[in-house]
Amino acid sequence: MKRIHIRRGGETLGPFRADDVSRLLNTGQVEREDLAWTEGLVDWEPLGRVLPLALAGEESTFPGVRSRRDPSSGETKERRWFLFELPFALLYPLRGSGCFLLGGLALALLFGGFLLTIPFAFRSPYLWGLVLLIGLTSICYYAACVQQVIRATASGDDNMAEGPEISNLHDEMSRAVLQIIGTTAGCLAPAALAWELGRRGLVETAWLVPALGAAGLVCLPMALLATTVLGAVSAGLRPGVVFPAMLRSLPRYLLILAFMALSLTGAAMLALELMQRLITPAAAAVMVPLILYLGLVLARLTGLIYKTSPSRLGWFG
């Protein structure tokens, strides 16, 4: 991951890791308007534009940032139309090491599930601990991969994102899980609050909870994109960031929502069909890799919103 140098108050600070810069921004120790530089840039640029570049670890495709590859161009790649990219997103998780990544995660989760089928599993705390370790590690690693897919796609990289760096594995996995859980919980919090108020008889929940839940799911992809690109859950939960971006990219965003709805519906129907026709382990062997695959496709589509129209979102001026 690239290192960032920052100019502030007449001094040059750093170099910093990109996630450290995100924390400095969140605490107000640096500002997005401060000048910054990282490998691949010709000149100093505002930190708000340089940070996503360093997070992605690639040369810039963000507006106004020039690379050494082509000083005469404001971009290292020509952004292609979203509809042209759309069908290729289905093949994205299968590129490069994607098949090994999906296969490894699926095998780990299936192995954890298999351990629970052992007759004495429920009487062995050690086996429960092993299953919990395998499950949590696999989920955290997958969450980090999802964020890396969004970052890499937003930066213009068409290659399947690699997994988290071994040297920084714990930090990357924990940050990804906390950001994804925090963003998801924030989007669904109004529905949860309405359900709790309805349980106490304070509001009518027959329509309110489903409506708020649906609204939260509609906002979730853009909120995850904002959290990943801007580096903070607070950005992904800020209405002034998420709602204008949804409206400015409405046609693209509606396509992603349609894909998400079709994927969830199709996966649920397939799961029911497999459970009826196959034994549970065989059904799980099909469904687990499929769900992991669909998650990476959705991450790719989410990143494409930024890749194909970064200036339209208005996040970096």
Protein backbone atom coordinates (compact mmCIF):
# COMPACT_ATOMS: atom_id res chain seq x y z
CA MET A 1 0.00 0.00 0.00
CA LYS A 2 1.38 3.43 -0.92
CA ARG A 3 2.57 5.95 1.69
CA ILE A 4 1.30 9.53 1.87
CA HIS A 5 3.26 12.73 2.61
CA ILE A 6 1.22 15.70 3.86
CA ARG A 7 2.01 19.43 3.86
CA ARG A 8 0.39 21.27 6.77
CA GLY A 9 1.33 24.53 8.48
CA GLY A 10 4.50 24.91 6.43
CA GLU A 11 5.76 21.44 7.42
CA THR A 12 5.92 18.17 5.51
CA LEU A 13 4.55 15.31 7.59
CA GLY A 14 4.85 11.58 7.04
CA PRO A 15 5.06 9.28 5.31
CA PHE A 16 1.83 7.77 6.63
CA ARG A 17 -0.07 4.62 5.76
CA ALA A 18 -3.42 5.36 4.12
CA ASP A 19 -5.47 3.96 7.00
CA ASP A 20 -3.50 6.13 9.43
CA VAL A 21 -4.37 9.17 7.32
CA SER A 22 -8.05 8.19 7.49
CA ARG A 23 -7.82 8.21 11.28
CA LEU A 24 -6.06 11.61 11.24
CA LEU A 25 -8.92 12.96 9.10
CA ASN A 26 -11.54 11.54 11.43
CA THR A 27 -9.90 13.19 14.46
CA GLY A 28 -9.43 16.54 12.69
CA GLN A 29 -5.63 16.48 12.85
CA VAL A 30 -5.42 16.99 9.08
CA GLU A 31 -7.90 18.38 6.56
CA ARG A 32 -8.96 17.15 3.11
CA GLU A 33 -7.76 20.48 1.69
CA ASP A 34 -4.18 19.91 2.91
CA LEU A 35 -1.73 19.17 0.11
CA ALA A 36 -0.50 15.59 -0.14
CA TRP A 37 1.74 13.48 -2.34
CA THR A 38 2.17 9.75 -2.96
CA GLU A 39 4.16 7.68 -5.42
CA GLY A 40 2.95 8.10 -9.00
CA LEU A 41 1.91 11.79 -8.76
CA VAL A 42 3.61 14.62 -10.61
CA ASP A 43 2.74 17.31 -8.09
CA TRP A 44 1.10 17.82 -4.70
CA GLU A 45 -2.69 17.45 -4.71
CA PRO A 46 -5.46 17.92 -2.11
CA LEU A 47 -5.47 15.11 0.43
CA GLY A 48 -9.14 14.37 -0.30
CA ARG A 49 -8.13 13.28 -3.80
CA VAL A 50 -4.89 11.52 -2.92
CA LEU A 51 -6.25 9.31 -0.12
CA PRO A 52 -8.45 7.06 -2.33
CA LEU A 53 -5.48 6.62 -4.68
CA ALA A 54 -3.24 5.42 -1.87
CA LEU A 55 -5.98 3.21 -0.40
CA ALA A 56 -6.34 1.46 -3.73
CA GLY A 57 -2.57 1.14 -4.14
CA GLU A 58 -2.81 2.04 -7.82
CA GLU A 59 -2.00 5.04 -9.96
CA SER A 60 -4.72 7.61 -10.10
CA THR A 61 -7.87 7.63 -12.14
CA PHE A 62 -9.45 10.32 -9.98
CA PRO A 63 -10.27 13.68 -11.56
CA GLY A 64 -7.44 16.19 -11.63
CA VAL A 65 -4.73 13.79 -10.43
CA ARG A 66 -1.96 13.14 -12.94
CA SER A 67 0.28 10.13 -13.10
CA ARG A 68 3.82 9.70 -14.38
CA ARG A 69 2.60 7.32 -17.05
CA ASP A 70 0.92 10.09 -19.00
CA PRO A 71 1.58 13.64 -17.75
CA SER A 72 -0.58 15.12 -20.47
CA SER A 73 -3.67 13.27 -19.29
CA GLY A 74 -5.81 13.85 -16.24
CA GLU A 75 -6.51 10.10 -16.07
CA THR A 76 -4.42 6.96 -16.55
CA LYS A 77 -7.38 5.19 -18.13
CA GLU A 78 -10.35 6.19 -20.14
CA ARG A 79 -13.51 5.57 -18.09
CA ARG A 80 -15.86 3.28 -19.89
CA TRP A 81 -19.58 3.47 -19.86
CA PHE A 82 -21.26 1.68 -16.97
CA LEU A 83 -23.48 -0.44 -19.21
CA PHE A 84 -20.43 -1.71 -21.08
CA GLU A 85 -18.81 -2.73 -17.78
CA LEU A 86 -21.97 -4.34 -16.41
CA PRO A 87 -21.80 -7.80 -18.05
CA PHE A 88 -18.07 -8.11 -17.36
CA ALA A 89 -18.76 -7.61 -13.64
CA LEU A 90 -20.21 -11.13 -13.62
CA LEU A 91 -16.81 -12.50 -14.67
CA TYR A 92 -14.79 -10.24 -12.36
CA PRO A 93 -14.61 -12.58 -9.31
CA LEU A 94 -13.29 -15.35 -11.56
CA ARG A 95 -10.28 -13.36 -12.81
CA GLY A 96 -6.76 -13.82 -11.51
CA SER A 97 -6.72 -15.37 -8.07
CA GLY A 98 -10.49 -14.90 -7.64
CA CYS A 99 -11.30 -18.59 -8.11
CA PHE A 100 -8.74 -19.60 -5.48
CA LEU A 101 -10.06 -16.93 -3.12
CA LEU A 102 -13.68 -18.06 -3.49
CA GLY A 103 -12.74 -21.72 -3.29
CA GLY A 104 -10.59 -21.27 -0.19
CA LEU A 105 -13.20 -19.25 1.69
CA ALA A 106 -15.98 -21.66 0.71
CA LEU A 107 -13.94 -24.68 1.82
CA ALA A 108 -13.11 -23.02 5.15
CA LEU A 109 -16.77 -22.22 5.87
CA LEU A 110 -17.95 -25.66 4.75
CA PHE A 111 -15.28 -27.33 6.88
CA GLY A 112 -16.45 -25.34 9.90
CA GLY A 113 -20.00 -26.45 9.22
CA PHE A 114 -18.86 -30.06 8.84
CA LEU A 115 -17.20 -29.98 12.26
CA LEU A 116 -20.56 -29.12 13.81
CA THR A 117 -22.03 -32.34 12.42
CA ILE A 118 -19.62 -34.50 14.43
CA PRO A 119 -21.67 -36.30 17.12
CA PHE A 120 -19.64 -35.06 20.11
CA ALA A 121 -19.22 -31.51 18.73
CA PHE A 122 -21.82 -29.97 21.05
CA ARG A 123 -20.01 -31.40 24.09
CA SER A 124 -16.55 -30.14 23.14
CA PRO A 125 -15.74 -26.48 23.90
CA TYR A 126 -12.46 -26.87 21.99
CA LEU A 127 -14.28 -27.89 18.83
CA TRP A 128 -16.72 -25.01 19.23
CA GLY A 129 -13.74 -22.68 19.62
CA LEU A 130 -12.17 -24.05 16.45
CA VAL A 131 -15.42 -23.64 14.50
CA LEU A 132 -15.81 -20.09 15.80
CA LEU A 133 -12.22 -19.25 14.88
CA ILE A 134 -12.60 -20.62 11.34
CA GLY A 135 -15.93 -18.89 10.81
CA LEU A 136 -14.91 -15.47 12.15
CA THR A 137 -11.57 -15.48 10.34
CA SER A 138 -13.21 -16.42 7.04
CA ILE A 139 -15.92 -13.77 7.39
CA CYS A 140 -13.43 -11.06 8.36
CA TYR A 141 -11.13 -11.98 5.47
CA TYR A 142 -14.07 -11.90 3.06
CA ALA A 143 -15.15 -8.48 4.36
CA ALA A 144 -11.63 -7.15 3.71
CA CYS A 145 -11.75 -8.60 0.19
CA VAL A 146 -15.11 -6.90 -0.48
CA GLN A 147 -13.66 -3.54 0.53
CA GLN A 148 -10.57 -4.09 -1.60
CA VAL A 149 -12.75 -4.91 -4.61
CA ILE A 150 -14.66 -1.64 -4.14
CA ARG A 151 -11.44 0.37 -3.73
CA ALA A 152 -9.66 -1.24 -6.66
CA THR A 153 -12.68 -0.81 -8.94
CA ALA A 154 -13.17 2.82 -7.91
CA SER A 155 -9.51 3.52 -8.74
CA GLY A 156 -9.92 2.05 -12.24
CA ASP A 157 -8.21 -1.31 -11.74
CA ASP A 158 -9.90 -4.04 -13.82
CA ASN A 159 -7.93 -6.90 -12.26
CA MET A 160 -9.41 -8.96 -9.45
CA ALA A 161 -8.28 -7.39 -6.17
CA GLU A 162 -5.80 -9.40 -4.13
CA GLY A 163 -6.57 -10.36 -0.56
CA PRO A 164 -5.35 -8.33 2.44
CA GLU A 165 -1.61 -8.05 2.92
CA ILE A 166 -0.26 -10.65 5.36
CA SER A 167 1.86 -8.00 7.13
CA ASN A 168 -1.26 -5.97 7.91
CA LEU A 169 -3.84 -8.75 7.97
CA HIS A 170 -5.35 -8.09 11.39
CA ASP A 171 -5.76 -4.33 10.91
CA GLU A 172 -7.29 -4.67 7.44
CA MET A 173 -9.75 -7.39 8.46
CA SER A 174 -10.85 -5.70 11.67
CA ARG A 175 -11.27 -2.32 9.97
CA ALA A 176 -13.27 -3.83 7.11
CA VAL A 177 -15.60 -5.74 9.44
CA LEU A 178 -16.19 -2.75 11.70
CA GLN A 179 -16.87 -0.44 8.75
CA ILE A 180 -19.22 -2.87 6.98
CA ILE A 181 -21.09 -3.77 10.19
CA GLY A 182 -21.27 -0.13 11.26
CA THR A 183 -22.57 1.03 7.88
CA THR A 184 -25.10 -1.80 7.61
CA ALA A 185 -26.31 -1.28 11.17
CA GLY A 186 -26.67 2.46 10.56
CA CYS A 187 -28.75 1.90 7.42
CA LEU A 188 -31.05 -0.59 9.17
CA ALA A 189 -31.20 1.21 12.53
CA PRO A 190 -34.45 3.11 11.74
CA ALA A 191 -36.22 -0.18 10.95
CA ALA A 192 -34.87 -1.75 14.16
CA LEU A 193 -36.00 1.26 16.18
CA ALA A 194 -39.48 1.14 14.62
CA TRP A 195 -39.73 -2.58 15.40
CA GLU A 196 -38.80 -1.96 19.04
CA LEU A 197 -41.33 0.87 19.33
CA GLY A 198 -43.96 -1.36 17.74
CA ARG A 199 -43.16 -4.16 20.18
CA ARG A 200 -43.94 -1.74 22.97
CA GLY A 201 -47.16 -0.70 21.27
CA LEU A 202 -46.06 2.87 20.58
CA VAL A 203 -46.30 2.80 16.77
CA GLU A 204 -48.01 0.71 14.07
CA THR A 205 -45.34 -1.52 12.52
CA ALA A 206 -47.33 -3.40 9.87
CA TRP A 207 -46.02 -1.12 7.13
CA LEU A 208 -43.42 1.04 8.89
CA VAL A 209 -40.79 -1.63 9.60
CA PRO A 210 -40.82 -3.14 6.06
CA ALA A 211 -40.74 0.37 4.54
CA LEU A 212 -37.80 1.51 6.66
CA GLY A 213 -35.99 -1.80 6.11
CA ALA A 214 -36.40 -1.51 2.35
CA ALA A 215 -35.19 2.11 2.45
CA GLY A 216 -32.12 1.03 4.42
CA LEU A 217 -31.29 -1.70 1.89
CA VAL A 218 -31.73 0.79 -0.96
CA CYS A 219 -29.20 3.15 0.65
CA LEU A 220 -26.76 0.41 1.67
CA PRO A 221 -24.66 0.02 -1.53
CA MET A 222 -24.01 3.78 -1.82
CA ALA A 223 -23.35 4.01 1.91
CA LEU A 224 -20.77 1.20 1.65
CA LEU A 225 -19.18 2.95 -1.33
CA ALA A 226 -18.91 6.22 0.61
CA THR A 227 -17.53 4.45 3.69
CA THR A 228 -14.89 2.65 1.62
CA VAL A 229 -13.82 5.54 -0.61
CA LEU A 230 -13.93 8.24 2.07
CA GLY A 231 -12.51 5.96 4.76
CA ALA A 232 -15.05 6.49 7.54
CA VAL A 233 -18.40 5.06 8.62
CA SER A 234 -19.54 8.58 9.46
CA ALA A 235 -19.26 9.49 5.76
CA GLY A 236 -21.34 6.48 4.71
CA LEU A 237 -24.09 7.39 7.17
CA ARG A 238 -24.21 11.10 6.30
CA PRO A 239 -27.39 11.92 4.34
CA GLY A 240 -25.67 14.88 2.67
CA VAL A 241 -23.11 12.47 1.18
CA VAL A 242 -25.25 9.44 0.31
CA PHE A 243 -28.56 10.88 -0.95
CA PRO A 244 -27.12 13.42 -3.46
CA ALA A 245 -24.77 10.74 -4.81
CA MET A 246 -27.70 8.34 -5.29
CA LEU A 247 -29.66 10.98 -7.21
CA ARG A 248 -26.69 12.02 -9.36
CA SER A 249 -26.02 8.41 -10.42
CA LEU A 250 -29.65 7.28 -10.41
CA PRO A 251 -29.74 5.13 -13.62
CA ARG A 252 -26.59 3.24 -12.62
CA TYR A 253 -27.75 2.92 -9.05
CA LEU A 254 -31.14 1.51 -10.06
CA LEU A 255 -29.37 -1.19 -12.09
CA ILE A 256 -27.35 -2.19 -9.03
CA LEU A 257 -30.49 -2.31 -6.88
CA ALA A 258 -32.20 -4.46 -9.50
CA PHE A 259 -29.23 -6.84 -9.55
CA MET A 260 -29.24 -7.00 -5.74
CA ALA A 261 -32.97 -7.76 -5.64
CA LEU A 262 -32.72 -10.42 -8.36
CA SER A 263 -29.68 -12.00 -6.69
CA LEU A 264 -31.32 -12.24 -3.27
CA THR A 265 -34.54 -13.59 -4.75
CA GLY A 266 -32.76 -16.06 -7.01
CA ALA A 267 -30.46 -17.28 -4.22
CA ALA A 268 -33.41 -17.80 -1.87
CA MET A 269 -35.38 -19.73 -4.51
CA LEU A 270 -32.36 -21.84 -5.41
CA ALA A 271 -31.69 -22.61 -1.75
CA LEU A 272 -35.27 -23.82 -1.24
CA GLU A 273 -35.09 -25.95 -4.38
CA LEU A 274 -31.76 -27.49 -3.40
CA MET A 275 -32.96 -28.23 0.12
CA GLN A 276 -35.85 -30.18 -1.34
CA ARG A 277 -33.83 -32.11 -3.92
CA LEU A 278 -30.46 -32.59 -2.21
CA ILE A 279 -29.17 -33.44 1.22
CA THR A 280 -28.13 -30.45 3.32
CA PRO A 281 -24.32 -30.77 2.85
CA ALA A 282 -24.69 -30.91 -0.95
CA ALA A 283 -27.01 -27.88 -0.94
CA ALA A 284 -24.54 -25.96 1.24
CA ALA A 285 -21.67 -26.89 -1.10
CA VAL A 286 -23.54 -25.09 -3.90
CA MET A 287 -24.96 -22.14 -1.97
CA VAL A 288 -21.89 -21.02 -0.01
CA PRO A 289 -19.63 -20.37 -3.06
CA LEU A 290 -22.59 -18.81 -4.91
CA ILE A 291 -23.29 -16.32 -2.10
CA LEU A 292 -19.60 -15.41 -1.84
CA TYR A 293 -19.46 -14.91 -5.61
CA LEU A 294 -22.56 -12.69 -5.69
CA GLY A 295 -21.13 -10.54 -2.91
CA LEU A 296 -17.98 -9.83 -4.93
CA VAL A 297 -20.03 -9.07 -8.04
CA LEU A 298 -22.10 -6.56 -6.07
CA ALA A 299 -18.91 -5.01 -4.68
CA ARG A 300 -17.59 -4.67 -8.23
CA LEU A 301 -20.81 -3.00 -9.42
CA THR A 302 -20.74 -0.64 -6.45
CA GLY A 303 -17.18 0.42 -7.25
CA LEU A 304 -18.15 0.95 -10.90
CA ILE A 305 -20.47 3.77 -9.84
CA TYR A 306 -17.41 5.74 -8.79
CA LYS A 307 -15.15 4.54 -11.58
CA THR A 308 -17.50 5.61 -14.37
CA SER A 309 -18.66 8.91 -12.86
CA PRO A 310 -16.43 10.12 -10.00
CA SER A 311 -17.02 13.82 -10.51
CA ARG A 312 -20.78 13.29 -10.67
CA LEU A 313 -20.87 12.04 -7.06
CA GLY A 314 -19.31 15.29 -5.86
CA TRP A 315 -17.25 13.77 -3.04
CA PHE A 316 -13.90 15.28 -4.01
CA GLY A 317 -14.99 18.55 -5.55
